[in-house]
Amino acid sequence: MTKQTEATRSISDWDRFLAEQRPDIGHKQYSWWIDFLKLRGWSGFGFAASEDDVICGGANVLVKSFAPGICFYYVPHGPVLPENQTDAADLFEAMMQYIDDHQRQSSNLVSHLRLEPRWLDQPEFVKGFQQSTHWNEPRNTLCVDLTMSEDAILKQMKTKGRYNIRVARRHNVSVVQDNSPKGLDDFMRLYQETIDRKNIIQHSRGYFDDLAENLLESGRGDLFFAEYQGVRLATSLVLYAGDTVTYKYGGTQLSHRNVMAPYLLHFEVMLHAKALGYKWYDFYGVSPAESPNDKWANFSSFKRKFGGHEMSFVPSLDFIFDHDAYEAYCVQKNG
């Protein structure tokens, strides 16, 4: 196994490896997502391993400053490891050595490395990490299998989910795709109304302007809307990666709730994704099933009406390089 740095590997080869060999990995290890985050103040570096000139795993590592002269490293949806556990252990060891060398040479003090992989279980060879008290990426999600027929997708939904889709159709709710500037304005209106109503952390208009320009215009994602009598009642921003379409952001307005527009919106987006050949629709985050009082419980109940498979990933994992800097990071996050 030969390790390669960001300078020697091909970005297109890395993205092709993810799409063809690890389509289940999520969207946040793709170079186009990393490039988008670099517009938002992150920097980063990469590590990839190959065998016989074929990539077999690695990670895009993001870097973010949180205090003058202090930063942390972050690997979302990664690292990407071979299925063979011996090869995976060797790659992980090489990656950790490369990251450690990188932080030792950094002009900034590095507090810690955070991993948020989509692993269902933590490999035995992943040692020296501690579970974080908070996460950047949801550790529980729900995915609907799109390889089934349309009837089968409906059948596996909760009864209330199927019923609400029929209600929306009886009210002649329609679903449209619109990535235009007007579409982005309408998305922001619905997104902002939802954020204000639920009192949750939001992204800025500038964030979505950058996302639209760099991801939607390049075909990495789309904006969809559910309309009733000419009024857009619900929206969904989805991203395409590997074999999965991810419901990344959305919003609704409270008027005309009786027409059940959000239900038809998601179902029609699923059918659109299915027609394009995607295998999964990822609702991107639900509350743990055993936590009915979780702050995400209400909209998780909505998502669960679509059926699907729930997955619980390993907790966020932190490898501490400097304990004082890490403590400062935790104080800032918890403050």
C-alpha atoms as a PDB file:
ATOM      1  CA  MET A   1       0.000   0.000   0.000  1.00  0.00           C
ATOM      2  CA  THR A   2       1.389   3.376  -1.041  1.00  0.00           C
ATOM      3  CA  LYS A   3       0.324   6.602   0.602  1.00  0.00           C
ATOM      4  CA  GLN A   4      -0.218   9.718  -1.470  1.00  0.00           C
ATOM      5  CA  THR A   5      -0.617  13.310  -0.379  1.00  0.00           C
ATOM      6  CA  GLU A   6      -3.012  15.885  -1.762  1.00  0.00           C
ATOM      7  CA  ALA A   7      -0.315  17.146  -4.120  1.00  0.00           C
ATOM      8  CA  THR A   8       0.211  13.783  -5.799  1.00  0.00           C
ATOM      9  CA  ARG A   9      -3.267  12.358  -6.056  1.00  0.00           C
ATOM     10  CA  SER A  10      -5.884  13.305  -8.613  1.00  0.00           C
ATOM     11  CA  ILE A  11      -9.015  14.963  -7.272  1.00  0.00           C
ATOM     12  CA  SER A  12     -11.046  13.430 -10.088  1.00  0.00           C
ATOM     13  CA  ASP A  13      -9.642   9.982  -9.218  1.00  0.00           C
ATOM     14  CA  TRP A  14     -10.621  10.497  -5.564  1.00  0.00           C
ATOM     15  CA  ASP A  15     -14.176  11.523  -6.413  1.00  0.00           C
ATOM     16  CA  ARG A  16     -14.456   8.638  -8.867  1.00  0.00           C
ATOM     17  CA  PHE A  17     -13.242   6.242  -6.176  1.00  0.00           C
ATOM     18  CA  LEU A  18     -15.922   7.491  -3.788  1.00  0.00           C
ATOM     19  CA  ALA A  19     -18.700   7.307  -6.383  1.00  0.00           C
ATOM     20  CA  GLU A  20     -17.803   3.877  -7.748  1.00  0.00           C
ATOM     21  CA  GLN A  21     -16.309   2.034  -4.778  1.00  0.00           C
ATOM     22  CA  ARG A  22     -17.870   3.715  -1.739  1.00  0.00           C
ATOM     23  CA  PRO A  23     -21.178   5.214  -2.854  1.00  0.00           C
ATOM     24  CA  ASP A  24     -22.494   4.858   0.712  1.00  0.00           C
ATOM     25  CA  ILE A  25     -19.954   7.237   2.222  1.00  0.00           C
ATOM     26  CA  GLY A  26     -22.024  10.431   2.127  1.00  0.00           C
ATOM     27  CA  HIS A  27     -21.288  13.705   0.358  1.00  0.00           C
ATOM     28  CA  LYS A  28     -18.812  15.404   2.663  1.00  0.00           C
ATOM     29  CA  GLN A  29     -15.646  13.662   1.485  1.00  0.00           C
ATOM     30  CA  TYR A  30     -16.139  14.748  -2.131  1.00  0.00           C
ATOM     31  CA  SER A  31     -13.772  17.410  -3.426  1.00  0.00           C
ATOM     32  CA  TRP A  32     -16.667  19.634  -4.530  1.00  0.00           C
ATOM     33  CA  TRP A  33     -17.999  19.804  -0.966  1.00  0.00           C
ATOM     34  CA  ILE A  34     -14.527  20.521   0.394  1.00  0.00           C
ATOM     35  CA  ASP A  35     -14.077  23.283  -2.188  1.00  0.00           C
ATOM     36  CA  PHE A  36     -17.405  24.783  -1.133  1.00  0.00           C
ATOM     37  CA  LEU A  37     -16.359  24.825   2.528  1.00  0.00           C
ATOM     38  CA  LYS A  38     -13.087  26.504   1.606  1.00  0.00           C
ATOM     39  CA  LEU A  39     -15.198  29.407   0.361  1.00  0.00           C
ATOM     40  CA  ARG A  40     -16.701  29.544   3.843  1.00  0.00           C
ATOM     41  CA  GLY A  41     -13.466  29.966   5.777  1.00  0.00           C
ATOM     42  CA  TRP A  42     -12.155  26.418   6.049  1.00  0.00           C
ATOM     43  CA  SER A  43      -8.844  25.171   4.681  1.00  0.00           C
ATOM     44  CA  GLY A  44      -7.652  21.618   4.382  1.00  0.00           C
ATOM     45  CA  PHE A  45      -5.352  18.899   3.135  1.00  0.00           C
ATOM     46  CA  GLY A  46      -5.764  15.347   1.934  1.00  0.00           C
ATOM     47  CA  PHE A  47      -4.414  11.855   2.387  1.00  0.00           C
ATOM     48  CA  ALA A  48      -5.039   8.945   0.052  1.00  0.00           C
ATOM     49  CA  ALA A  49      -3.642   5.426  -0.107  1.00  0.00           C
ATOM     50  CA  SER A  50      -3.342   3.351  -3.241  1.00  0.00           C
ATOM     51  CA  GLU A  51      -2.387  -0.141  -4.263  1.00  0.00           C
ATOM     52  CA  ASP A  52      -1.175  -0.810  -7.802  1.00  0.00           C
ATOM     53  CA  ASP A  53      -2.032   2.825  -8.596  1.00  0.00           C
ATOM     54  CA  VAL A  54      -5.661   2.289  -7.530  1.00  0.00           C
ATOM     55  CA  ILE A  55      -7.016   4.365  -4.638  1.00  0.00           C
ATOM     56  CA  CYS A  56      -8.228   2.209  -1.765  1.00  0.00           C
ATOM     57  CA  GLY A  57      -9.001   4.790   0.914  1.00  0.00           C
ATOM     58  CA  GLY A  58      -8.066   8.013   2.645  1.00  0.00           C
ATOM     59  CA  ALA A  59      -9.557  11.251   3.881  1.00  0.00           C
ATOM     60  CA  ASN A  60     -10.066  14.900   3.135  1.00  0.00           C
ATOM     61  CA  VAL A  61      -9.079  16.730   6.321  1.00  0.00           C
ATOM     62  CA  LEU A  62     -10.583  20.147   7.003  1.00  0.00           C
ATOM     63  CA  VAL A  63      -8.824  22.793   9.081  1.00  0.00           C
ATOM     64  CA  LYS A  64     -10.620  25.506  11.047  1.00  0.00           C
ATOM     65  CA  SER A  65      -9.245  28.202  13.351  1.00  0.00           C
ATOM     66  CA  PHE A  66     -11.250  28.888  16.514  1.00  0.00           C
ATOM     67  CA  ALA A  67      -8.837  31.250  18.296  1.00  0.00           C
ATOM     68  CA  PRO A  68      -5.778  33.264  17.252  1.00  0.00           C
ATOM     69  CA  GLY A  69      -3.046  30.789  16.330  1.00  0.00           C
ATOM     70  CA  ILE A  70      -5.148  27.741  17.257  1.00  0.00           C
ATOM     71  CA  CYS A  71      -7.076  25.383  14.966  1.00  0.00           C
ATOM     72  CA  PHE A  72      -8.538  21.892  14.850  1.00  0.00           C
ATOM     73  CA  TYR A  73      -8.692  19.186  12.186  1.00  0.00           C
ATOM     74  CA  TYR A  74     -11.973  17.667  11.075  1.00  0.00           C
ATOM     75  CA  VAL A  75     -12.814  14.655   8.900  1.00  0.00           C
ATOM     76  CA  PRO A  76     -16.554  14.583   8.078  1.00  0.00           C
ATOM     77  CA  HIS A  77     -17.988  11.337   6.700  1.00  0.00           C
ATOM     78  CA  GLY A  78     -14.581   9.767   6.985  1.00  0.00           C
ATOM     79  CA  PRO A  79     -11.980   8.446   6.891  1.00  0.00           C
ATOM     80  CA  VAL A  80     -12.805   6.104   4.035  1.00  0.00           C
ATOM     81  CA  LEU A  81     -11.310   2.686   4.746  1.00  0.00           C
ATOM     82  CA  PRO A  82     -11.050  -0.609   2.816  1.00  0.00           C
ATOM     83  CA  GLU A  83     -13.511  -3.326   3.779  1.00  0.00           C
ATOM     84  CA  ASN A  84     -10.684  -5.743   4.588  1.00  0.00           C
ATOM     85  CA  GLN A  85      -9.900  -5.073   8.248  1.00  0.00           C
ATOM     86  CA  THR A  86      -6.170  -5.715   7.958  1.00  0.00           C
ATOM     87  CA  ASP A  87      -5.871  -3.271   5.074  1.00  0.00           C
ATOM     88  CA  ALA A  88      -8.123  -0.826   6.911  1.00  0.00           C
ATOM     89  CA  ALA A  89      -5.924  -0.950  10.010  1.00  0.00           C
ATOM     90  CA  ASP A  90      -2.774  -0.367   7.954  1.00  0.00           C
ATOM     91  CA  LEU A  91      -4.344   2.567   6.119  1.00  0.00           C
ATOM     92  CA  PHE A  92      -5.661   4.119   9.323  1.00  0.00           C
ATOM     93  CA  GLU A  93      -2.241   3.915  10.970  1.00  0.00           C
ATOM     94  CA  ALA A  94      -0.592   5.523   7.935  1.00  0.00           C
ATOM     95  CA  MET A  95      -3.231   8.257   7.866  1.00  0.00           C
ATOM     96  CA  MET A  96      -2.816   9.062  11.551  1.00  0.00           C
ATOM     97  CA  GLN A  97       0.951   9.272  11.126  1.00  0.00           C
ATOM     98  CA  TYR A  98       0.528  11.613   8.168  1.00  0.00           C
ATOM     99  CA  ILE A  99      -1.912  13.830  10.089  1.00  0.00           C
ATOM    100  CA  ASP A 100       0.374  13.877  13.132  1.00  0.00           C
ATOM    101  CA  ASP A 101       3.328  14.899  10.961  1.00  0.00           C
ATOM    102  CA  HIS A 102       1.167  17.613   9.411  1.00  0.00           C
ATOM    103  CA  GLN A 103       0.117  19.080  12.759  1.00  0.00           C
ATOM    104  CA  ARG A 104       3.698  19.051  14.056  1.00  0.00           C
ATOM    105  CA  GLN A 105       4.770  21.111  11.050  1.00  0.00           C
ATOM    106  CA  SER A 106       1.809  23.493  11.266  1.00  0.00           C
ATOM    107  CA  SER A 107       2.446  27.136  12.071  1.00  0.00           C
ATOM    108  CA  ASN A 108      -0.705  27.028  14.218  1.00  0.00           C
ATOM    109  CA  LEU A 109      -1.279  25.014  17.355  1.00  0.00           C
ATOM    110  CA  VAL A 110      -3.633  22.105  16.577  1.00  0.00           C
ATOM    111  CA  SER A 111      -5.971  21.206  19.434  1.00  0.00           C
ATOM    112  CA  HIS A 112      -7.426  17.953  18.148  1.00  0.00           C
ATOM    113  CA  LEU A 113      -8.543  15.813  15.252  1.00  0.00           C
ATOM    114  CA  ARG A 114     -12.250  15.082  14.989  1.00  0.00           C
ATOM    115  CA  LEU A 115     -13.600  12.114  13.029  1.00  0.00           C
ATOM    116  CA  GLU A 116     -17.285  11.782  12.169  1.00  0.00           C
ATOM    117  CA  PRO A 117     -17.427   8.672   9.986  1.00  0.00           C
ATOM    118  CA  ARG A 118     -20.540   6.865   8.897  1.00  0.00           C
ATOM    119  CA  TRP A 119     -19.435   3.741  10.723  1.00  0.00           C
ATOM    120  CA  LEU A 120     -22.035   1.599  12.449  1.00  0.00           C
ATOM    121  CA  ASP A 121     -19.335   0.195  14.747  1.00  0.00           C
ATOM    122  CA  GLN A 122     -15.942   1.501  15.803  1.00  0.00           C
ATOM    123  CA  PRO A 123     -13.090  -0.695  14.530  1.00  0.00           C
ATOM    124  CA  GLU A 124     -10.837  -2.141  17.212  1.00  0.00           C
ATOM    125  CA  PHE A 125      -7.791  -0.498  15.660  1.00  0.00           C
ATOM    126  CA  VAL A 126      -9.217   3.016  16.175  1.00  0.00           C
ATOM    127  CA  LYS A 127      -7.581   3.766  19.513  1.00  0.00           C
ATOM    128  CA  GLY A 128      -6.647   6.838  21.505  1.00  0.00           C
ATOM    129  CA  PHE A 129      -9.852   8.734  20.672  1.00  0.00           C
ATOM    130  CA  GLN A 130     -12.475   9.979  23.095  1.00  0.00           C
ATOM    131  CA  GLN A 131     -16.160  10.508  22.444  1.00  0.00           C
ATOM    132  CA  SER A 132     -17.082  14.139  21.963  1.00  0.00           C
ATOM    133  CA  THR A 133     -19.786  15.790  24.020  1.00  0.00           C
ATOM    134  CA  HIS A 134     -21.215  17.372  20.853  1.00  0.00           C
ATOM    135  CA  TRP A 135     -21.222  16.655  17.135  1.00  0.00           C
ATOM    136  CA  ASN A 136     -21.047  18.508  13.832  1.00  0.00           C
ATOM    137  CA  GLU A 137     -22.732  15.771  11.779  1.00  0.00           C
ATOM    138  CA  PRO A 138     -25.922  13.965  12.863  1.00  0.00           C
ATOM    139  CA  ARG A 139     -25.118  10.577  14.373  1.00  0.00           C
ATOM    140  CA  ASN A 140     -28.513   9.129  13.490  1.00  0.00           C
ATOM    141  CA  THR A 141     -30.231   9.229  10.136  1.00  0.00           C
ATOM    142  CA  LEU A 142     -33.004   7.609   8.134  1.00  0.00           C
ATOM    143  CA  CYS A 143     -32.669   6.392   4.536  1.00  0.00           C
ATOM    144  CA  VAL A 144     -35.406   5.218   2.168  1.00  0.00           C
ATOM    145  CA  ASP A 145     -34.526   2.460  -0.308  1.00  0.00           C
ATOM    146  CA  LEU A 146     -35.253   3.749  -3.822  1.00  0.00           C
ATOM    147  CA  THR A 147     -34.513   0.460  -5.574  1.00  0.00           C
ATOM    148  CA  MET A 148     -38.033  -0.679  -4.687  1.00  0.00           C
ATOM    149  CA  SER A 149     -41.003  -0.013  -6.932  1.00  0.00           C
ATOM    150  CA  GLU A 150     -43.091   3.105  -6.333  1.00  0.00           C
ATOM    151  CA  ASP A 151     -45.841   0.960  -4.828  1.00  0.00           C
ATOM    152  CA  ALA A 152     -43.350  -0.773  -2.541  1.00  0.00           C
ATOM    153  CA  ILE A 153     -41.935   2.558  -1.357  1.00  0.00           C
ATOM    154  CA  LEU A 154     -45.450   3.663  -0.466  1.00  0.00           C
ATOM    155  CA  LYS A 155     -46.270   0.362   1.196  1.00  0.00           C
ATOM    156  CA  GLN A 156     -43.288   0.514   3.569  1.00  0.00           C
ATOM    157  CA  MET A 157     -44.273   4.009   4.772  1.00  0.00           C
ATOM    158  CA  LYS A 158     -46.262   4.596   7.916  1.00  0.00           C
ATOM    159  CA  THR A 159     -50.009   4.655   7.283  1.00  0.00           C
ATOM    160  CA  LYS A 160     -50.192   8.371   8.081  1.00  0.00           C
ATOM    161  CA  GLY A 161     -47.423   9.112   5.574  1.00  0.00           C
ATOM    162  CA  ARG A 162     -49.266   7.379   2.723  1.00  0.00           C
ATOM    163  CA  TYR A 163     -52.519   9.055   3.712  1.00  0.00           C
ATOM    164  CA  ASN A 164     -50.986  12.539   3.738  1.00  0.00           C
ATOM    165  CA  ILE A 165     -49.513  12.023   0.264  1.00  0.00           C
ATOM    166  CA  ARG A 166     -52.990  11.155  -1.001  1.00  0.00           C
ATOM    167  CA  VAL A 167     -54.399  14.247   0.737  1.00  0.00           C
ATOM    168  CA  ALA A 168     -51.846  16.467  -1.019  1.00  0.00           C
ATOM    169  CA  ARG A 169     -52.710  14.940  -4.376  1.00  0.00           C
ATOM    170  CA  ARG A 170     -56.438  15.447  -3.793  1.00  0.00           C
ATOM    171  CA  HIS A 171     -55.706  19.129  -3.175  1.00  0.00           C
ATOM    172  CA  ASN A 172     -53.746  19.297  -6.445  1.00  0.00           C
ATOM    173  CA  VAL A 173     -50.480  20.164  -4.750  1.00  0.00           C
ATOM    174  CA  SER A 174     -47.691  20.143  -7.341  1.00  0.00           C
ATOM    175  CA  VAL A 175     -43.929  19.744  -7.015  1.00  0.00           C
ATOM    176  CA  VAL A 176     -41.502  21.767  -9.135  1.00  0.00           C
ATOM    177  CA  GLN A 177     -37.727  22.100  -9.386  1.00  0.00           C
ATOM    178  CA  ASP A 178     -36.364  25.659  -9.540  1.00  0.00           C
ATOM    179  CA  ASN A 179     -32.685  26.575  -9.153  1.00  0.00           C
ATOM    180  CA  SER A 180     -33.185  30.106 -10.468  1.00  0.00           C
ATOM    181  CA  PRO A 181     -32.491  33.268  -8.430  1.00  0.00           C
ATOM    182  CA  LYS A 182     -36.221  33.411  -7.696  1.00  0.00           C
ATOM    183  CA  GLY A 183     -36.061  29.826  -6.534  1.00  0.00           C
ATOM    184  CA  LEU A 184     -33.262  30.678  -4.134  1.00  0.00           C
ATOM    185  CA  ASP A 185     -35.251  33.669  -2.836  1.00  0.00           C
ATOM    186  CA  ASP A 186     -38.284  31.454  -2.258  1.00  0.00           C
ATOM    187  CA  PHE A 187     -36.119  28.849  -0.557  1.00  0.00           C
ATOM    188  CA  MET A 188     -34.653  31.471   1.772  1.00  0.00           C
ATOM    189  CA  ARG A 189     -38.108  32.776   2.679  1.00  0.00           C
ATOM    190  CA  LEU A 190     -39.330  29.310   3.679  1.00  0.00           C
ATOM    191  CA  TYR A 191     -36.041  28.364   5.317  1.00  0.00           C
ATOM    192  CA  GLN A 192     -35.955  31.569   7.379  1.00  0.00           C
ATOM    193  CA  GLU A 193     -39.570  31.177   8.467  1.00  0.00           C
ATOM    194  CA  THR A 194     -38.824  27.655   9.656  1.00  0.00           C
ATOM    195  CA  ILE A 195     -35.634  28.694  11.463  1.00  0.00           C
ATOM    196  CA  ASP A 196     -37.467  31.496  13.268  1.00  0.00           C
ATOM    197  CA  ARG A 197     -40.346  29.219  14.200  1.00  0.00           C
ATOM    198  CA  LYS A 198     -38.190  26.400  15.556  1.00  0.00           C
ATOM    199  CA  ASN A 199     -35.439  28.616  17.009  1.00  0.00           C
ATOM    200  CA  ILE A 200     -32.580  26.554  15.598  1.00  0.00           C
ATOM    201  CA  ILE A 201     -29.118  27.480  14.324  1.00  0.00           C
ATOM    202  CA  GLN A 202     -29.171  28.886  10.822  1.00  0.00           C
ATOM    203  CA  HIS A 203     -26.846  29.511   7.901  1.00  0.00           C
ATOM    204  CA  SER A 204     -26.525  32.950   6.343  1.00  0.00           C
ATOM    205  CA  ARG A 205     -27.806  34.071   2.964  1.00  0.00           C
ATOM    206  CA  GLY A 206     -24.172  34.250   1.866  1.00  0.00           C
ATOM    207  CA  TYR A 207     -23.758  30.559   2.690  1.00  0.00           C
ATOM    208  CA  PHE A 208     -26.639  29.630   0.408  1.00  0.00           C
ATOM    209  CA  ASP A 209     -25.517  32.048  -2.307  1.00  0.00           C
ATOM    210  CA  ASP A 210     -22.163  30.245  -2.390  1.00  0.00           C
ATOM    211  CA  LEU A 211     -23.875  26.867  -2.287  1.00  0.00           C
ATOM    212  CA  ALA A 212     -26.165  27.757  -5.180  1.00  0.00           C
ATOM    213  CA  GLU A 213     -23.358  29.162  -7.314  1.00  0.00           C
ATOM    214  CA  ASN A 214     -20.938  26.306  -6.715  1.00  0.00           C
ATOM    215  CA  LEU A 215     -23.138  23.243  -6.227  1.00  0.00           C
ATOM    216  CA  LEU A 216     -26.586  23.825  -7.692  1.00  0.00           C
ATOM    217  CA  GLU A 217     -25.286  25.392 -10.893  1.00  0.00           C
ATOM    218  CA  SER A 218     -22.889  22.469 -11.392  1.00  0.00           C
ATOM    219  CA  GLY A 219     -25.617  19.849 -10.976  1.00  0.00           C
ATOM    220  CA  ARG A 220     -24.521  18.689  -7.518  1.00  0.00           C
ATOM    221  CA  GLY A 221     -27.912  19.587  -6.081  1.00  0.00           C
ATOM    222  CA  ASP A 222     -31.388  20.961  -6.737  1.00  0.00           C
ATOM    223  CA  LEU A 223     -34.104  23.069  -5.130  1.00  0.00           C
ATOM    224  CA  PHE A 224     -37.626  21.635  -5.083  1.00  0.00           C
ATOM    225  CA  PHE A 225     -40.909  23.233  -4.032  1.00  0.00           C
ATOM    226  CA  ALA A 226     -44.414  22.063  -3.213  1.00  0.00           C
ATOM    227  CA  GLU A 227     -46.965  24.549  -4.588  1.00  0.00           C
ATOM    228  CA  TYR A 228     -50.646  25.014  -3.805  1.00  0.00           C
ATOM    229  CA  GLN A 229     -52.772  27.499  -5.729  1.00  0.00           C
ATOM    230  CA  GLY A 230     -49.631  29.234  -6.955  1.00  0.00           C
ATOM    231  CA  VAL A 231     -48.073  29.567  -3.499  1.00  0.00           C
ATOM    232  CA  ARG A 232     -44.890  27.746  -2.553  1.00  0.00           C
ATOM    233  CA  LEU A 233     -45.544  26.103   0.799  1.00  0.00           C
ATOM    234  CA  ALA A 234     -42.531  23.837   1.294  1.00  0.00           C
ATOM    235  CA  THR A 235     -39.019  23.487  -0.048  1.00  0.00           C
ATOM    236  CA  SER A 236     -36.208  20.957  -0.129  1.00  0.00           C
ATOM    237  CA  LEU A 237     -32.554  21.436  -1.059  1.00  0.00           C
ATOM    238  CA  VAL A 238     -31.013  18.103  -1.996  1.00  0.00           C
ATOM    239  CA  LEU A 239     -27.475  17.057  -2.878  1.00  0.00           C
ATOM    240  CA  TYR A 240     -26.428  14.201  -5.170  1.00  0.00           C
ATOM    241  CA  ALA A 241     -23.432  12.029  -4.254  1.00  0.00           C
ATOM    242  CA  GLY A 242     -22.618   8.419  -5.027  1.00  0.00           C
ATOM    243  CA  ASP A 243     -25.818   6.391  -4.947  1.00  0.00           C
ATOM    244  CA  THR A 244     -27.587   8.737  -2.528  1.00  0.00           C
ATOM    245  CA  VAL A 245     -29.714  11.869  -2.667  1.00  0.00           C
ATOM    246  CA  THR A 246     -29.503  13.776   0.613  1.00  0.00           C
ATOM    247  CA  TYR A 247     -32.188  16.104   1.957  1.00  0.00           C
ATOM    248  CA  LYS A 248     -29.790  18.750   3.186  1.00  0.00           C
ATOM    249  CA  TYR A 249     -31.966  21.774   4.003  1.00  0.00           C
ATOM    250  CA  GLY A 250     -35.624  22.664   3.852  1.00  0.00           C
ATOM    251  CA  GLY A 251     -38.437  24.810   5.103  1.00  0.00           C
ATOM    252  CA  THR A 252     -42.204  25.168   5.298  1.00  0.00           C
ATOM    253  CA  GLN A 253     -44.768  27.829   6.035  1.00  0.00           C
ATOM    254  CA  LEU A 254     -47.675  27.322   8.393  1.00  0.00           C
ATOM    255  CA  SER A 255     -50.470  28.398   6.059  1.00  0.00           C
ATOM    256  CA  HIS A 256     -52.504  25.700   4.285  1.00  0.00           C
ATOM    257  CA  ARG A 257     -51.130  22.964   6.522  1.00  0.00           C
ATOM    258  CA  ASN A 258     -54.233  20.922   5.741  1.00  0.00           C
ATOM    259  CA  VAL A 259     -53.033  20.225   2.175  1.00  0.00           C
ATOM    260  CA  MET A 260     -50.005  18.259   3.470  1.00  0.00           C
ATOM    261  CA  ALA A 261     -47.599  19.771   0.935  1.00  0.00           C
ATOM    262  CA  PRO A 262     -44.332  18.616   2.602  1.00  0.00           C
ATOM    263  CA  TYR A 263     -45.341  14.958   2.301  1.00  0.00           C
ATOM    264  CA  LEU A 264     -45.865  15.088  -1.434  1.00  0.00           C
ATOM    265  CA  LEU A 265     -42.713  17.183  -1.803  1.00  0.00           C
ATOM    266  CA  HIS A 266     -40.456  14.513  -0.367  1.00  0.00           C
ATOM    267  CA  PHE A 267     -42.217  11.656  -2.102  1.00  0.00           C
ATOM    268  CA  GLU A 268     -41.927  13.314  -5.508  1.00  0.00           C
ATOM    269  CA  VAL A 269     -38.249  14.104  -4.911  1.00  0.00           C
ATOM    270  CA  MET A 270     -37.736  10.428  -4.073  1.00  0.00           C
ATOM    271  CA  LEU A 271     -39.362   9.430  -7.358  1.00  0.00           C
ATOM    272  CA  HIS A 272     -37.217  11.967  -9.208  1.00  0.00           C
ATOM    273  CA  ALA A 273     -34.077  10.542  -7.602  1.00  0.00           C
ATOM    274  CA  LYS A 274     -35.202   6.995  -8.348  1.00  0.00           C
ATOM    275  CA  ALA A 275     -35.704   7.882 -12.027  1.00  0.00           C
ATOM    276  CA  LEU A 276     -32.133   9.220 -12.118  1.00  0.00           C
ATOM    277  CA  GLY A 277     -30.830   5.894 -10.818  1.00  0.00           C
ATOM    278  CA  TYR A 278     -30.096   6.786  -7.207  1.00  0.00           C
ATOM    279  CA  LYS A 279     -30.570   4.039  -4.642  1.00  0.00           C
ATOM    280  CA  TRP A 280     -31.152   5.926  -1.396  1.00  0.00           C
ATOM    281  CA  TYR A 281     -32.924   9.033  -0.118  1.00  0.00           C
ATOM    282  CA  ASP A 282     -31.170  10.208   3.032  1.00  0.00           C
ATOM    283  CA  PHE A 283     -33.236  12.389   5.370  1.00  0.00           C
ATOM    284  CA  TYR A 284     -29.936  13.510   6.924  1.00  0.00           C
ATOM    285  CA  GLY A 285     -30.553  13.423  10.609  1.00  0.00           C
ATOM    286  CA  VAL A 286     -33.186  12.170  13.029  1.00  0.00           C
ATOM    287  CA  SER A 287     -33.360  12.140  16.789  1.00  0.00           C
ATOM    288  CA  PRO A 288     -32.379   8.870  18.487  1.00  0.00           C
ATOM    289  CA  ALA A 289     -35.413   6.588  18.616  1.00  0.00           C
ATOM    290  CA  GLU A 290     -34.964   6.207  22.375  1.00  0.00           C
ATOM    291  CA  SER A 291     -35.001  10.000  22.959  1.00  0.00           C
ATOM    292  CA  PRO A 292     -38.609  11.230  22.579  1.00  0.00           C
ATOM    293  CA  ASN A 293     -37.759  14.577  24.207  1.00  0.00           C
ATOM    294  CA  ASP A 294     -34.855  15.343  21.871  1.00  0.00           C
ATOM    295  CA  LYS A 295     -34.931  18.802  20.274  1.00  0.00           C
ATOM    296  CA  TRP A 296     -35.240  17.106  16.875  1.00  0.00           C
ATOM    297  CA  ALA A 297     -38.137  14.878  17.932  1.00  0.00           C
ATOM    298  CA  ASN A 298     -40.899  16.812  16.132  1.00  0.00           C
ATOM    299  CA  PHE A 299     -39.405  16.914  12.654  1.00  0.00           C
ATOM    300  CA  SER A 300     -37.962  13.424  13.162  1.00  0.00           C
ATOM    301  CA  SER A 301     -41.518  12.187  13.651  1.00  0.00           C
ATOM    302  CA  PHE A 302     -42.360  13.715  10.263  1.00  0.00           C
ATOM    303  CA  LYS A 303     -39.412  11.987   8.600  1.00  0.00           C
ATOM    304  CA  ARG A 304     -40.233   8.625  10.154  1.00  0.00           C
ATOM    305  CA  LYS A 305     -43.639   8.637   8.482  1.00  0.00           C
ATOM    306  CA  PHE A 306     -41.767   7.857   5.246  1.00  0.00           C
ATOM    307  CA  GLY A 307     -40.561   4.521   6.629  1.00  0.00           C
ATOM    308  CA  GLY A 308     -37.005   3.702   5.647  1.00  0.00           C
ATOM    309  CA  HIS A 309     -34.022   2.279   7.472  1.00  0.00           C
ATOM    310  CA  GLU A 310     -32.663   4.003  10.550  1.00  0.00           C
ATOM    311  CA  MET A 311     -28.910   4.020  11.087  1.00  0.00           C
ATOM    312  CA  SER A 312     -26.965   4.971  14.193  1.00  0.00           C
ATOM    313  CA  PHE A 313     -23.341   5.878  13.598  1.00  0.00           C
ATOM    314  CA  VAL A 314     -20.472   5.846  16.065  1.00  0.00           C
ATOM    315  CA  PRO A 315     -20.174   8.996  18.198  1.00  0.00           C
ATOM    316  CA  SER A 316     -17.984  11.893  17.143  1.00  0.00           C
ATOM    317  CA  LEU A 317     -14.410  10.900  17.966  1.00  0.00           C
ATOM    318  CA  ASP A 318     -11.710  13.330  19.117  1.00  0.00           C
ATOM    319  CA  PHE A 319      -7.972  12.651  19.160  1.00  0.00           C
ATOM    320  CA  ILE A 320      -6.363  15.313  21.342  1.00  0.00           C
ATOM    321  CA  PHE A 321      -3.043  16.843  20.337  1.00  0.00           C
ATOM    322  CA  ASP A 322      -2.951  19.633  22.936  1.00  0.00           C
ATOM    323  CA  HIS A 323      -5.098  19.333  26.068  1.00  0.00           C
ATOM    324  CA  ASP A 324      -5.119  23.035  26.970  1.00  0.00           C
ATOM    325  CA  ALA A 325      -6.130  24.038  23.443  1.00  0.00           C
ATOM    326  CA  TYR A 326      -8.770  21.311  23.401  1.00  0.00           C
ATOM    327  CA  GLU A 327     -10.184  22.560  26.686  1.00  0.00           C
ATOM    328  CA  ALA A 328     -10.395  26.053  25.197  1.00  0.00           C
ATOM    329  CA  TYR A 329     -12.237  24.615  22.193  1.00  0.00           C
ATOM    330  CA  CYS A 330     -14.744  22.803  24.424  1.00  0.00           C
ATOM    331  CA  VAL A 331     -15.344  25.908  26.540  1.00  0.00           C
ATOM    332  CA  GLN A 332     -16.015  27.925  23.400  1.00  0.00           C
ATOM    333  CA  LYS A 333     -18.419  25.308  22.025  1.00  0.00           C
ATOM    334  CA  ASN A 334     -20.270  24.846  25.291  1.00  0.00           C
ATOM    335  CA  GLY A 335     -20.452  28.578  25.951  1.00  0.00           C
END
